[in-house]
Amino acid sequence: MGAMFGGVTVVAWYPITPSSSLCESLIGYMKKYRMDKKTGKATFAIVQAEDEIAAICSAIGASYAGQLGVTSSSGPGIALKGEALG
């Protein structure tokens, strides 16, 4: 909920334990609280990436586009994301 109320607009994730539950919960909250009431359209994007590297690159790309993007991961996933973060 902190990410949602903090203004996140893009969530990019790769399903891996233990981080999957974070994004799955965020999906539910975003659908409940972040839908445009007039149009019924989402004011956010949630992307299930093909791997951890694509997830972090999507979050970085969102930031270049002026959005607040987040991703989550496990310990080994963070190691894979390190190069893109650098």
N, C-alpha and C. Protein backbone atom coordinates (compact mmCIF):
# COMPACT_ATOMS: atom_id res chain seq x y z
N MET A 1 0.83 -1.19 0.00
CA MET A 1 0.00 0.00 0.00
C MET A 1 0.87 1.25 0.00
N GLY A 2 2.01 1.16 0.63
CA GLY A 2 2.92 2.31 0.66
C GLY A 2 3.37 2.72 -0.73
N ALA A 3 3.65 1.73 -1.57
CA ALA A 3 4.05 2.05 -2.95
C ALA A 3 2.91 2.72 -3.69
N MET A 4 1.71 2.20 -3.52
CA MET A 4 0.56 2.77 -4.21
C MET A 4 0.28 4.20 -3.76
N PHE A 5 0.22 4.41 -2.45
CA PHE A 5 -0.05 5.75 -1.94
C PHE A 5 1.14 6.68 -2.15
N GLY A 6 2.32 6.11 -2.37
CA GLY A 6 3.51 6.90 -2.67
C GLY A 6 3.54 7.39 -4.11
N GLY A 7 2.60 6.92 -4.93
CA GLY A 7 2.48 7.43 -6.28
C GLY A 7 2.98 6.54 -7.39
N VAL A 8 3.24 5.28 -7.10
CA VAL A 8 3.74 4.39 -8.15
C VAL A 8 2.72 4.29 -9.29
N THR A 9 3.22 4.33 -10.51
CA THR A 9 2.34 4.22 -11.68
C THR A 9 2.70 3.03 -12.57
N VAL A 10 3.92 2.50 -12.42
CA VAL A 10 4.35 1.35 -13.22
C VAL A 10 4.94 0.30 -12.29
N VAL A 11 4.43 -0.91 -12.40
CA VAL A 11 4.96 -2.05 -11.65
C VAL A 11 5.44 -3.08 -12.67
N ALA A 12 6.72 -3.40 -12.63
CA ALA A 12 7.28 -4.42 -13.51
C ALA A 12 7.86 -5.50 -12.63
N TRP A 13 7.44 -6.75 -12.85
CA TRP A 13 7.89 -7.81 -11.95
C TRP A 13 8.04 -9.13 -12.68
N TYR A 14 8.81 -9.99 -12.10
CA TYR A 14 8.98 -11.35 -12.57
C TYR A 14 8.58 -12.25 -11.40
N PRO A 15 7.69 -13.20 -11.63
CA PRO A 15 7.21 -14.02 -10.51
C PRO A 15 8.32 -14.90 -9.92
N ILE A 16 8.66 -14.62 -8.69
CA ILE A 16 9.66 -15.39 -7.97
C ILE A 16 9.40 -15.22 -6.47
N THR A 17 9.52 -16.28 -5.75
CA THR A 17 9.33 -16.22 -4.30
C THR A 17 10.54 -15.53 -3.68
N PRO A 18 10.41 -14.65 -2.76
CA PRO A 18 9.23 -14.24 -2.00
C PRO A 18 8.56 -12.97 -2.50
N SER A 19 9.01 -12.43 -3.64
CA SER A 19 8.52 -11.11 -4.05
C SER A 19 7.18 -11.15 -4.78
N SER A 20 6.75 -12.30 -5.23
CA SER A 20 5.48 -12.38 -5.98
C SER A 20 4.30 -11.87 -5.18
N SER A 21 4.26 -12.19 -3.89
CA SER A 21 3.12 -11.78 -3.07
C SER A 21 3.02 -10.26 -2.97
N LEU A 22 4.14 -9.57 -3.00
CA LEU A 22 4.11 -8.11 -2.96
C LEU A 22 3.41 -7.55 -4.19
N CYS A 23 3.82 -7.99 -5.36
CA CYS A 23 3.22 -7.47 -6.60
C CYS A 23 1.79 -7.94 -6.78
N GLU A 24 1.49 -9.17 -6.40
CA GLU A 24 0.12 -9.66 -6.51
C GLU A 24 -0.82 -8.85 -5.62
N SER A 25 -0.39 -8.49 -4.44
CA SER A 25 -1.20 -7.65 -3.56
C SER A 25 -1.35 -6.25 -4.15
N LEU A 26 -0.26 -5.72 -4.68
CA LEU A 26 -0.28 -4.39 -5.27
C LEU A 26 -1.25 -4.34 -6.46
N ILE A 27 -1.32 -5.40 -7.24
CA ILE A 27 -2.25 -5.45 -8.36
C ILE A 27 -3.69 -5.26 -7.87
N GLY A 28 -4.04 -5.96 -6.80
CA GLY A 28 -5.39 -5.84 -6.24
C GLY A 28 -5.69 -4.44 -5.74
N TYR A 29 -4.74 -3.84 -5.02
CA TYR A 29 -4.95 -2.49 -4.51
C TYR A 29 -5.04 -1.46 -5.63
N MET A 30 -4.20 -1.61 -6.64
CA MET A 30 -4.21 -0.65 -7.75
C MET A 30 -5.55 -0.73 -8.50
N LYS A 31 -6.05 -1.93 -8.69
CA LYS A 31 -7.34 -2.08 -9.38
C LYS A 31 -8.48 -1.50 -8.55
N LYS A 32 -8.33 -1.50 -7.25
CA LYS A 32 -9.38 -0.98 -6.38
C LYS A 32 -9.32 0.55 -6.26
N TYR A 33 -8.12 1.10 -6.14
CA TYR A 33 -7.97 2.52 -5.83
C TYR A 33 -7.46 3.39 -6.98
N ARG A 34 -6.94 2.83 -8.04
CA ARG A 34 -6.30 3.62 -9.08
C ARG A 34 -6.98 3.51 -10.45
N MET A 35 -8.26 3.32 -10.47
CA MET A 35 -9.01 3.30 -11.72
C MET A 35 -9.67 4.67 -11.90
N ASP A 36 -9.64 5.20 -13.12
CA ASP A 36 -10.31 6.46 -13.40
C ASP A 36 -11.82 6.27 -13.27
N LYS A 37 -12.44 7.02 -12.40
CA LYS A 37 -13.86 6.84 -12.13
C LYS A 37 -14.75 7.22 -13.31
N LYS A 38 -14.31 8.17 -14.12
CA LYS A 38 -15.11 8.59 -15.27
C LYS A 38 -15.05 7.59 -16.42
N THR A 39 -13.84 7.13 -16.73
CA THR A 39 -13.67 6.26 -17.90
C THR A 39 -13.60 4.78 -17.56
N GLY A 40 -13.28 4.47 -16.30
CA GLY A 40 -13.11 3.08 -15.91
C GLY A 40 -11.78 2.49 -16.34
N LYS A 41 -10.89 3.34 -16.86
CA LYS A 41 -9.58 2.88 -17.31
C LYS A 41 -8.56 2.97 -16.19
N ALA A 42 -7.56 2.12 -16.28
CA ALA A 42 -6.48 2.10 -15.30
C ALA A 42 -5.60 3.33 -15.46
N THR A 43 -5.14 3.87 -14.34
CA THR A 43 -4.19 4.99 -14.36
C THR A 43 -2.79 4.49 -14.02
N PHE A 44 -2.55 3.22 -14.26
CA PHE A 44 -1.29 2.56 -13.92
C PHE A 44 -1.02 1.48 -14.96
N ALA A 45 0.19 0.96 -14.94
CA ALA A 45 0.56 -0.17 -15.79
C ALA A 45 1.25 -1.21 -14.93
N ILE A 46 0.85 -2.46 -15.10
CA ILE A 46 1.50 -3.57 -14.40
C ILE A 46 1.96 -4.57 -15.45
N VAL A 47 3.26 -4.84 -15.45
CA VAL A 47 3.86 -5.68 -16.47
C VAL A 47 4.53 -6.88 -15.81
N GLN A 48 4.16 -8.08 -16.24
CA GLN A 48 4.88 -9.27 -15.81
C GLN A 48 5.96 -9.53 -16.86
N ALA A 49 7.19 -9.30 -16.48
CA ALA A 49 8.32 -9.39 -17.41
C ALA A 49 8.75 -10.83 -17.62
N GLU A 50 9.55 -11.03 -18.67
CA GLU A 50 10.01 -12.39 -18.98
C GLU A 50 11.18 -12.85 -18.11
N ASP A 51 11.85 -11.90 -17.47
CA ASP A 51 12.91 -12.25 -16.53
C ASP A 51 13.20 -11.04 -15.64
N GLU A 52 14.09 -11.25 -14.67
CA GLU A 52 14.39 -10.19 -13.72
C GLU A 52 15.02 -8.97 -14.38
N ILE A 53 15.85 -9.20 -15.38
CA ILE A 53 16.52 -8.10 -16.05
C ILE A 53 15.52 -7.23 -16.78
N ALA A 54 14.57 -7.84 -17.46
CA ALA A 54 13.53 -7.08 -18.16
C ALA A 54 12.68 -6.29 -17.17
N ALA A 55 12.44 -6.84 -15.99
CA ALA A 55 11.64 -6.14 -14.98
C ALA A 55 12.34 -4.86 -14.52
N ILE A 56 13.61 -4.94 -14.21
CA ILE A 56 14.31 -3.73 -13.75
C ILE A 56 14.46 -2.72 -14.88
N CYS A 57 14.70 -3.20 -16.10
CA CYS A 57 14.81 -2.28 -17.23
C CYS A 57 13.48 -1.59 -17.51
N SER A 58 12.37 -2.28 -17.30
CA SER A 58 11.06 -1.66 -17.46
C SER A 58 10.83 -0.57 -16.43
N ALA A 59 11.23 -0.82 -15.19
CA ALA A 59 11.08 0.18 -14.13
C ALA A 59 11.98 1.39 -14.41
N ILE A 60 13.18 1.14 -14.90
CA ILE A 60 14.08 2.24 -15.25
C ILE A 60 13.51 3.03 -16.42
N GLY A 61 12.99 2.33 -17.42
CA GLY A 61 12.38 3.00 -18.57
C GLY A 61 11.20 3.87 -18.17
N ALA A 62 10.41 3.37 -17.21
CA ALA A 62 9.28 4.16 -16.71
C ALA A 62 9.77 5.47 -16.09
N SER A 63 10.88 5.40 -15.38
CA SER A 63 11.40 6.62 -14.76
C SER A 63 11.88 7.61 -15.81
N TYR A 64 12.47 7.11 -16.89
CA TYR A 64 12.88 8.01 -17.98
C TYR A 64 11.67 8.67 -18.64
N ALA A 65 10.52 8.01 -18.57
CA ALA A 65 9.30 8.57 -19.15
C ALA A 65 8.55 9.45 -18.16
N GLY A 66 9.13 9.67 -16.98
CA GLY A 66 8.52 10.55 -16.00
C GLY A 66 7.55 9.87 -15.05
N GLN A 67 7.55 8.56 -15.03
CA GLN A 67 6.66 7.82 -14.15
C GLN A 67 7.45 7.26 -12.97
N LEU A 68 6.73 6.88 -11.92
CA LEU A 68 7.38 6.23 -10.79
C LEU A 68 7.21 4.73 -10.98
N GLY A 69 8.29 4.05 -11.32
CA GLY A 69 8.26 2.62 -11.56
C GLY A 69 8.93 1.85 -10.44
N VAL A 70 8.39 0.68 -10.14
CA VAL A 70 8.97 -0.18 -9.11
C VAL A 70 9.06 -1.61 -9.63
N THR A 71 9.91 -2.36 -9.00
CA THR A 71 10.03 -3.79 -9.24
C THR A 71 10.36 -4.44 -7.91
N SER A 72 10.19 -5.74 -7.84
CA SER A 72 10.55 -6.48 -6.63
C SER A 72 11.30 -7.72 -7.06
N SER A 73 12.00 -8.34 -6.13
CA SER A 73 12.78 -9.51 -6.49
C SER A 73 13.17 -10.30 -5.26
N SER A 74 13.92 -11.35 -5.52
CA SER A 74 14.51 -12.17 -4.46
C SER A 74 16.01 -11.86 -4.42
N GLY A 75 16.72 -12.51 -3.53
CA GLY A 75 18.16 -12.29 -3.45
C GLY A 75 18.89 -12.56 -4.75
N PRO A 76 18.71 -13.74 -5.36
CA PRO A 76 19.37 -14.00 -6.64
C PRO A 76 18.90 -13.06 -7.75
N GLY A 77 17.64 -12.66 -7.71
CA GLY A 77 17.12 -11.72 -8.70
C GLY A 77 17.79 -10.37 -8.62
N ILE A 78 18.11 -9.93 -7.41
CA ILE A 78 18.81 -8.65 -7.23
C ILE A 78 20.19 -8.73 -7.86
N ALA A 79 20.84 -9.88 -7.74
CA ALA A 79 22.15 -10.04 -8.36
C ALA A 79 22.05 -9.90 -9.88
N LEU A 80 20.99 -10.44 -10.47
CA LEU A 80 20.79 -10.32 -11.92
C LEU A 80 20.48 -8.88 -12.33
N LYS A 81 19.81 -8.13 -11.47
CA LYS A 81 19.41 -6.76 -11.78
C LYS A 81 20.54 -5.77 -11.59
N GLY A 82 21.62 -6.19 -10.96
CA GLY A 82 22.70 -5.29 -10.63
C GLY A 82 23.31 -4.57 -11.82
N GLU A 83 23.48 -5.26 -12.93
CA GLU A 83 24.11 -4.64 -14.10
C GLU A 83 23.25 -3.50 -14.64
N ALA A 84 21.93 -3.73 -14.72
CA ALA A 84 21.04 -2.67 -15.21
C ALA A 84 21.01 -1.50 -14.24
N LEU A 85 21.08 -1.77 -12.95
CA LEU A 85 21.08 -0.70 -11.97
C LEU A 85 22.33 0.17 -12.09
N GLY A 86 23.44 -0.48 -12.43
CA GLY A 86 24.71 0.24 -12.59
C GLY A 86 24.63 1.17 -13.77
